[in-house]
Amino acid sequence: MPDISSKLPAAGTSIFAVMSALANQHKAINLAQGFPNFEPPQRLKDLVAQAIQDGYNQYAPMPGLPALREAIAHKIQLTYGVRPEPGTEITVTAGAPQGLFCAIQAVVRKGDESYSVGTSL
């Protein structure tokens, strides 16, 4: 039998496992992995089931479905009084970690300095 060794022998516990344990310990709503500790409303479950029956069961386009980006633009306009262009100024990500990673990667460059809270510029 060949020797197959892991590239991740000391990966340890993931942040998701840590946050889930903390949420359980403190009886908090666990948003670390995107699941609350309560059932969604039946209407939402029915709508999801209907969407699957209607064929909405494939991966969405990388920047998000046009109708969703349009709805987000509308919500931003109602909330903040400005309307972003849905086709070029809104991207829907697969989750908060991906969104944060992409946002940081878009603006932080090698050599940028970091400042601690309370550090004067």
N, C-alpha and C. Protein backbone atom coordinates (compact mmCIF):
# COMPACT_ATOMS: atom_id res chain seq x y z
N MET A 1 0.85 -1.18 0.00
CA MET A 1 0.00 0.00 0.00
C MET A 1 0.89 1.24 0.00
N PRO A 2 0.59 2.24 -0.86
CA PRO A 2 1.44 3.43 -0.92
C PRO A 2 1.30 4.28 0.34
N ASP A 3 2.34 5.01 0.62
CA ASP A 3 2.33 5.91 1.77
C ASP A 3 1.66 7.22 1.34
N ILE A 4 0.48 7.45 1.84
CA ILE A 4 -0.25 8.68 1.53
C ILE A 4 -0.30 9.50 2.79
N SER A 5 0.42 10.61 2.78
CA SER A 5 0.43 11.46 3.97
C SER A 5 -0.34 12.74 3.69
N SER A 6 -0.97 13.23 4.72
CA SER A 6 -1.79 14.43 4.61
C SER A 6 -0.93 15.67 4.46
N LYS A 7 -1.39 16.62 3.67
CA LYS A 7 -0.75 17.92 3.57
C LYS A 7 -1.20 18.82 4.72
N LEU A 8 -2.19 18.36 5.46
CA LEU A 8 -2.74 19.14 6.57
C LEU A 8 -2.69 18.37 7.88
N PRO A 9 -1.53 17.87 8.27
CA PRO A 9 -1.49 17.04 9.47
C PRO A 9 -1.81 17.80 10.76
N ALA A 10 -1.59 19.11 10.77
CA ALA A 10 -1.83 19.87 11.99
C ALA A 10 -2.86 20.97 11.76
N ALA A 11 -3.89 20.66 10.97
CA ALA A 11 -4.87 21.69 10.64
C ALA A 11 -5.64 22.16 11.87
N GLY A 12 -5.84 21.31 12.83
CA GLY A 12 -6.53 21.71 14.05
C GLY A 12 -8.01 21.94 13.84
N THR A 13 -8.59 22.68 14.76
CA THR A 13 -10.02 22.96 14.74
C THR A 13 -10.30 24.18 13.88
N SER A 14 -11.36 24.11 13.09
CA SER A 14 -11.70 25.25 12.24
C SER A 14 -12.36 26.35 13.05
N ILE A 15 -12.34 27.56 12.51
CA ILE A 15 -13.01 28.68 13.17
C ILE A 15 -14.51 28.42 13.28
N PHE A 16 -15.06 27.67 12.32
CA PHE A 16 -16.48 27.37 12.36
C PHE A 16 -16.81 26.48 13.56
N ALA A 17 -15.97 25.51 13.83
CA ALA A 17 -16.18 24.64 14.99
C ALA A 17 -16.06 25.44 16.29
N VAL A 18 -15.07 26.33 16.34
CA VAL A 18 -14.88 27.16 17.54
C VAL A 18 -16.09 28.06 17.78
N MET A 19 -16.55 28.73 16.72
CA MET A 19 -17.68 29.65 16.87
C MET A 19 -18.97 28.91 17.18
N SER A 20 -19.14 27.72 16.60
CA SER A 20 -20.33 26.92 16.91
C SER A 20 -20.33 26.50 18.37
N ALA A 21 -19.18 26.10 18.89
CA ALA A 21 -19.08 25.71 20.30
C ALA A 21 -19.37 26.91 21.20
N LEU A 22 -18.85 28.09 20.84
CA LEU A 22 -19.11 29.28 21.65
C LEU A 22 -20.58 29.66 21.63
N ALA A 23 -21.20 29.56 20.46
CA ALA A 23 -22.63 29.86 20.37
C ALA A 23 -23.44 28.92 21.25
N ASN A 24 -23.10 27.63 21.22
CA ASN A 24 -23.79 26.66 22.07
C ASN A 24 -23.57 26.97 23.54
N GLN A 25 -22.33 27.28 23.90
CA GLN A 25 -21.98 27.56 25.29
C GLN A 25 -22.75 28.76 25.84
N HIS A 26 -22.89 29.80 25.01
CA HIS A 26 -23.52 31.04 25.46
C HIS A 26 -24.99 31.16 25.05
N LYS A 27 -25.53 30.06 24.49
CA LYS A 27 -26.92 30.03 24.05
C LYS A 27 -27.23 31.19 23.09
N ALA A 28 -26.29 31.42 22.16
CA ALA A 28 -26.43 32.48 21.15
C ALA A 28 -26.91 31.89 19.83
N ILE A 29 -27.45 32.75 18.98
CA ILE A 29 -27.79 32.31 17.63
C ILE A 29 -26.49 32.08 16.88
N ASN A 30 -26.34 30.91 16.30
CA ASN A 30 -25.10 30.54 15.63
C ASN A 30 -25.16 30.97 14.17
N LEU A 31 -24.45 32.04 13.84
CA LEU A 31 -24.36 32.48 12.47
C LEU A 31 -23.01 32.14 11.86
N ALA A 32 -22.17 31.43 12.59
CA ALA A 32 -20.83 31.09 12.12
C ALA A 32 -20.87 30.25 10.86
N GLN A 33 -21.83 29.37 10.76
CA GLN A 33 -21.94 28.52 9.59
C GLN A 33 -23.24 28.78 8.84
N GLY A 34 -23.87 29.88 9.14
CA GLY A 34 -25.06 30.24 8.41
C GLY A 34 -26.32 29.51 8.83
N PHE A 35 -26.35 28.98 10.04
CA PHE A 35 -27.59 28.34 10.48
C PHE A 35 -28.01 28.88 11.84
N PRO A 36 -29.27 29.35 11.93
CA PRO A 36 -29.79 29.79 13.22
C PRO A 36 -30.26 28.58 14.03
N ASN A 37 -30.65 28.82 15.25
CA ASN A 37 -31.12 27.72 16.10
C ASN A 37 -32.65 27.69 16.17
N PHE A 38 -33.30 28.05 15.06
CA PHE A 38 -34.75 27.99 14.98
C PHE A 38 -35.15 27.61 13.56
N GLU A 39 -36.36 27.09 13.43
CA GLU A 39 -36.87 26.68 12.13
C GLU A 39 -37.26 27.90 11.30
N PRO A 40 -37.01 27.86 10.00
CA PRO A 40 -37.49 28.97 9.16
C PRO A 40 -39.00 28.91 9.04
N PRO A 41 -39.62 30.04 8.70
CA PRO A 41 -41.08 30.03 8.53
C PRO A 41 -41.51 29.05 7.44
N GLN A 42 -42.67 28.46 7.62
CA GLN A 42 -43.18 27.50 6.64
C GLN A 42 -43.31 28.13 5.26
N ARG A 43 -43.71 29.40 5.19
CA ARG A 43 -43.85 30.08 3.90
C ARG A 43 -42.52 30.09 3.15
N LEU A 44 -41.43 30.35 3.86
CA LEU A 44 -40.12 30.35 3.22
C LEU A 44 -39.78 28.96 2.70
N LYS A 45 -40.04 27.92 3.49
CA LYS A 45 -39.77 26.55 3.05
C LYS A 45 -40.61 26.21 1.81
N ASP A 46 -41.86 26.67 1.80
CA ASP A 46 -42.73 26.42 0.64
C ASP A 46 -42.21 27.13 -0.60
N LEU A 47 -41.76 28.36 -0.44
CA LEU A 47 -41.23 29.12 -1.58
C LEU A 47 -39.96 28.49 -2.14
N VAL A 48 -39.09 28.00 -1.25
CA VAL A 48 -37.86 27.32 -1.69
C VAL A 48 -38.22 26.05 -2.46
N ALA A 49 -39.15 25.28 -1.93
CA ALA A 49 -39.57 24.04 -2.61
C ALA A 49 -40.17 24.36 -3.98
N GLN A 50 -40.97 25.43 -4.07
CA GLN A 50 -41.56 25.81 -5.35
C GLN A 50 -40.49 26.26 -6.34
N ALA A 51 -39.50 27.00 -5.86
CA ALA A 51 -38.42 27.44 -6.73
C ALA A 51 -37.66 26.25 -7.30
N ILE A 52 -37.43 25.24 -6.49
CA ILE A 52 -36.76 24.03 -6.98
C ILE A 52 -37.63 23.34 -8.02
N GLN A 53 -38.92 23.24 -7.75
CA GLN A 53 -39.84 22.63 -8.72
C GLN A 53 -39.88 23.41 -10.03
N ASP A 54 -39.68 24.74 -9.95
CA ASP A 54 -39.71 25.59 -11.14
C ASP A 54 -38.38 25.61 -11.90
N GLY A 55 -37.42 24.81 -11.43
CA GLY A 55 -36.16 24.70 -12.15
C GLY A 55 -35.04 25.60 -11.68
N TYR A 56 -35.26 26.32 -10.59
CA TYR A 56 -34.19 27.16 -10.05
C TYR A 56 -33.32 26.32 -9.12
N ASN A 57 -32.55 25.43 -9.71
CA ASN A 57 -31.77 24.49 -8.91
C ASN A 57 -30.34 24.34 -9.44
N GLN A 58 -29.89 25.31 -10.19
CA GLN A 58 -28.53 25.28 -10.73
C GLN A 58 -27.72 26.41 -10.12
N TYR A 59 -26.41 26.35 -10.32
CA TYR A 59 -25.57 27.45 -9.84
C TYR A 59 -25.99 28.75 -10.50
N ALA A 60 -25.96 29.80 -9.73
CA ALA A 60 -26.26 31.14 -10.26
C ALA A 60 -25.03 31.68 -10.98
N PRO A 61 -25.21 32.70 -11.83
CA PRO A 61 -24.05 33.34 -12.45
C PRO A 61 -23.11 33.89 -11.37
N MET A 62 -21.84 33.97 -11.67
CA MET A 62 -20.84 34.38 -10.67
C MET A 62 -21.17 35.70 -9.97
N PRO A 63 -21.61 36.74 -10.66
CA PRO A 63 -21.92 37.99 -9.93
C PRO A 63 -23.30 38.00 -9.29
N GLY A 64 -24.08 36.93 -9.46
CA GLY A 64 -25.43 36.86 -8.89
C GLY A 64 -26.48 36.99 -9.98
N LEU A 65 -27.66 36.52 -9.68
CA LEU A 65 -28.77 36.61 -10.64
C LEU A 65 -29.13 38.08 -10.88
N PRO A 66 -29.38 38.46 -12.13
CA PRO A 66 -29.74 39.85 -12.42
C PRO A 66 -30.93 40.35 -11.60
N ALA A 67 -31.96 39.54 -11.42
CA ALA A 67 -33.12 39.96 -10.64
C ALA A 67 -32.74 40.23 -9.18
N LEU A 68 -31.84 39.44 -8.62
CA LEU A 68 -31.39 39.67 -7.25
C LEU A 68 -30.58 40.95 -7.15
N ARG A 69 -29.67 41.17 -8.10
CA ARG A 69 -28.87 42.40 -8.08
C ARG A 69 -29.77 43.63 -8.24
N GLU A 70 -30.80 43.51 -9.06
CA GLU A 70 -31.77 44.60 -9.24
C GLU A 70 -32.50 44.87 -7.92
N ALA A 71 -32.92 43.82 -7.24
CA ALA A 71 -33.62 43.98 -5.96
C ALA A 71 -32.71 44.61 -4.91
N ILE A 72 -31.43 44.23 -4.91
CA ILE A 72 -30.47 44.81 -3.97
C ILE A 72 -30.29 46.30 -4.27
N ALA A 73 -30.16 46.65 -5.55
CA ALA A 73 -30.03 48.06 -5.94
C ALA A 73 -31.24 48.86 -5.47
N HIS A 74 -32.42 48.29 -5.64
CA HIS A 74 -33.66 48.96 -5.21
C HIS A 74 -33.66 49.18 -3.70
N LYS A 75 -33.27 48.15 -2.95
CA LYS A 75 -33.22 48.24 -1.48
C LYS A 75 -32.22 49.31 -1.04
N ILE A 76 -31.06 49.37 -1.69
CA ILE A 76 -30.06 50.38 -1.34
C ILE A 76 -30.61 51.77 -1.63
N GLN A 77 -31.32 51.91 -2.75
CA GLN A 77 -31.92 53.20 -3.10
C GLN A 77 -32.94 53.63 -2.04
N LEU A 78 -33.79 52.71 -1.63
CA LEU A 78 -34.80 53.02 -0.61
C LEU A 78 -34.16 53.36 0.74
N THR A 79 -33.10 52.64 1.07
CA THR A 79 -32.48 52.80 2.38
C THR A 79 -31.54 53.99 2.44
N TYR A 80 -30.72 54.19 1.39
CA TYR A 80 -29.66 55.19 1.45
C TYR A 80 -29.82 56.34 0.45
N GLY A 81 -30.80 56.27 -0.42
CA GLY A 81 -31.04 57.35 -1.35
C GLY A 81 -30.10 57.40 -2.54
N VAL A 82 -29.33 56.36 -2.75
CA VAL A 82 -28.46 56.26 -3.93
C VAL A 82 -28.76 54.93 -4.60
N ARG A 83 -28.61 54.92 -5.92
CA ARG A 83 -28.91 53.69 -6.64
C ARG A 83 -27.67 53.21 -7.38
N PRO A 84 -27.08 52.11 -6.91
CA PRO A 84 -25.95 51.54 -7.64
C PRO A 84 -26.41 50.87 -8.93
N GLU A 85 -25.54 50.77 -9.89
CA GLU A 85 -25.83 50.09 -11.15
C GLU A 85 -25.74 48.58 -10.90
N PRO A 86 -26.86 47.86 -11.00
CA PRO A 86 -26.87 46.43 -10.68
C PRO A 86 -25.88 45.60 -11.50
N GLY A 87 -25.66 45.96 -12.75
CA GLY A 87 -24.79 45.16 -13.61
C GLY A 87 -23.31 45.36 -13.38
N THR A 88 -22.93 46.50 -12.79
CA THR A 88 -21.50 46.78 -12.63
C THR A 88 -21.08 47.14 -11.21
N GLU A 89 -22.03 47.42 -10.34
CA GLU A 89 -21.67 47.87 -9.00
C GLU A 89 -22.17 46.96 -7.88
N ILE A 90 -22.78 45.85 -8.24
CA ILE A 90 -23.26 44.89 -7.24
C ILE A 90 -22.79 43.50 -7.63
N THR A 91 -22.19 42.82 -6.68
CA THR A 91 -21.81 41.42 -6.86
C THR A 91 -22.34 40.64 -5.67
N VAL A 92 -22.97 39.53 -5.94
CA VAL A 92 -23.49 38.67 -4.88
C VAL A 92 -22.45 37.57 -4.65
N THR A 93 -22.03 37.39 -3.42
CA THR A 93 -21.04 36.36 -3.11
C THR A 93 -21.71 35.14 -2.50
N ALA A 94 -20.96 34.08 -2.39
CA ALA A 94 -21.48 32.82 -1.87
C ALA A 94 -21.61 32.83 -0.35
N GLY A 95 -21.16 33.87 0.30
CA GLY A 95 -21.26 33.98 1.74
C GLY A 95 -20.38 35.10 2.25
N ALA A 96 -20.54 35.40 3.53
CA ALA A 96 -19.78 36.50 4.13
C ALA A 96 -18.27 36.30 4.05
N PRO A 97 -17.73 35.10 4.36
CA PRO A 97 -16.26 34.96 4.26
C PRO A 97 -15.74 35.27 2.86
N GLN A 98 -16.43 34.79 1.83
CA GLN A 98 -15.99 35.07 0.46
C GLN A 98 -16.10 36.56 0.17
N GLY A 99 -17.19 37.19 0.57
CA GLY A 99 -17.38 38.61 0.33
C GLY A 99 -16.31 39.45 1.01
N LEU A 100 -16.02 39.14 2.27
CA LEU A 100 -14.97 39.87 2.99
C LEU A 100 -13.61 39.66 2.35
N PHE A 101 -13.30 38.42 2.00
CA PHE A 101 -12.02 38.14 1.35
C PHE A 101 -11.87 38.94 0.06
N CYS A 102 -12.91 38.92 -0.77
CA CYS A 102 -12.84 39.63 -2.06
C CYS A 102 -12.70 41.14 -1.85
N ALA A 103 -13.45 41.68 -0.90
CA ALA A 103 -13.38 43.12 -0.63
C ALA A 103 -11.99 43.52 -0.16
N ILE A 104 -11.42 42.74 0.75
CA ILE A 104 -10.08 43.05 1.26
C ILE A 104 -9.05 42.90 0.15
N GLN A 105 -9.14 41.82 -0.62
CA GLN A 105 -8.18 41.60 -1.70
C GLN A 105 -8.26 42.69 -2.77
N ALA A 106 -9.42 43.31 -2.92
CA ALA A 106 -9.59 44.35 -3.93
C ALA A 106 -8.87 45.64 -3.56
N VAL A 107 -8.68 45.89 -2.27
CA VAL A 107 -8.12 47.19 -1.86
C VAL A 107 -6.78 47.11 -1.14
N VAL A 108 -6.46 45.99 -0.50
CA VAL A 108 -5.21 45.88 0.25
C VAL A 108 -4.13 45.33 -0.66
N ARG A 109 -3.00 46.02 -0.69
CA ARG A 109 -1.88 45.63 -1.54
C ARG A 109 -0.66 45.26 -0.69
N LYS A 110 0.21 44.46 -1.27
CA LYS A 110 1.45 44.09 -0.60
C LYS A 110 2.19 45.36 -0.22
N GLY A 111 2.61 45.42 1.02
CA GLY A 111 3.33 46.59 1.51
C GLY A 111 2.46 47.60 2.22
N ASP A 112 1.13 47.47 2.11
CA ASP A 112 0.25 48.36 2.85
C ASP A 112 0.50 48.16 4.33
N GLU A 113 0.46 49.25 5.05
CA GLU A 113 0.70 49.16 6.49
C GLU A 113 -0.62 49.00 7.23
N SER A 114 -0.56 48.36 8.36
CA SER A 114 -1.74 48.25 9.20
C SER A 114 -1.54 49.09 10.44
N TYR A 115 -2.62 49.60 10.95
CA TYR A 115 -2.58 50.43 12.15
C TYR A 115 -3.51 49.84 13.18
N SER A 116 -3.05 49.84 14.42
CA SER A 116 -3.88 49.36 15.52
C SER A 116 -4.83 50.45 15.94
N VAL A 117 -5.92 50.06 16.56
CA VAL A 117 -6.85 51.05 17.10
C VAL A 117 -6.08 51.87 18.12
N GLY A 118 -6.21 53.17 18.02
CA GLY A 118 -5.53 54.06 18.96
C GLY A 118 -4.17 54.52 18.44
N THR A 119 -3.70 53.99 17.37
CA THR A 119 -2.42 54.42 16.81
C THR A 119 -2.64 55.68 16.00
N SER A 120 -1.85 56.68 16.25
CA SER A 120 -2.01 57.92 15.49
C SER A 120 -1.33 57.76 14.14
N LEU A 121 -1.94 58.37 13.13
CA LEU A 121 -1.39 58.32 11.79
C LEU A 121 -0.38 59.39 11.71
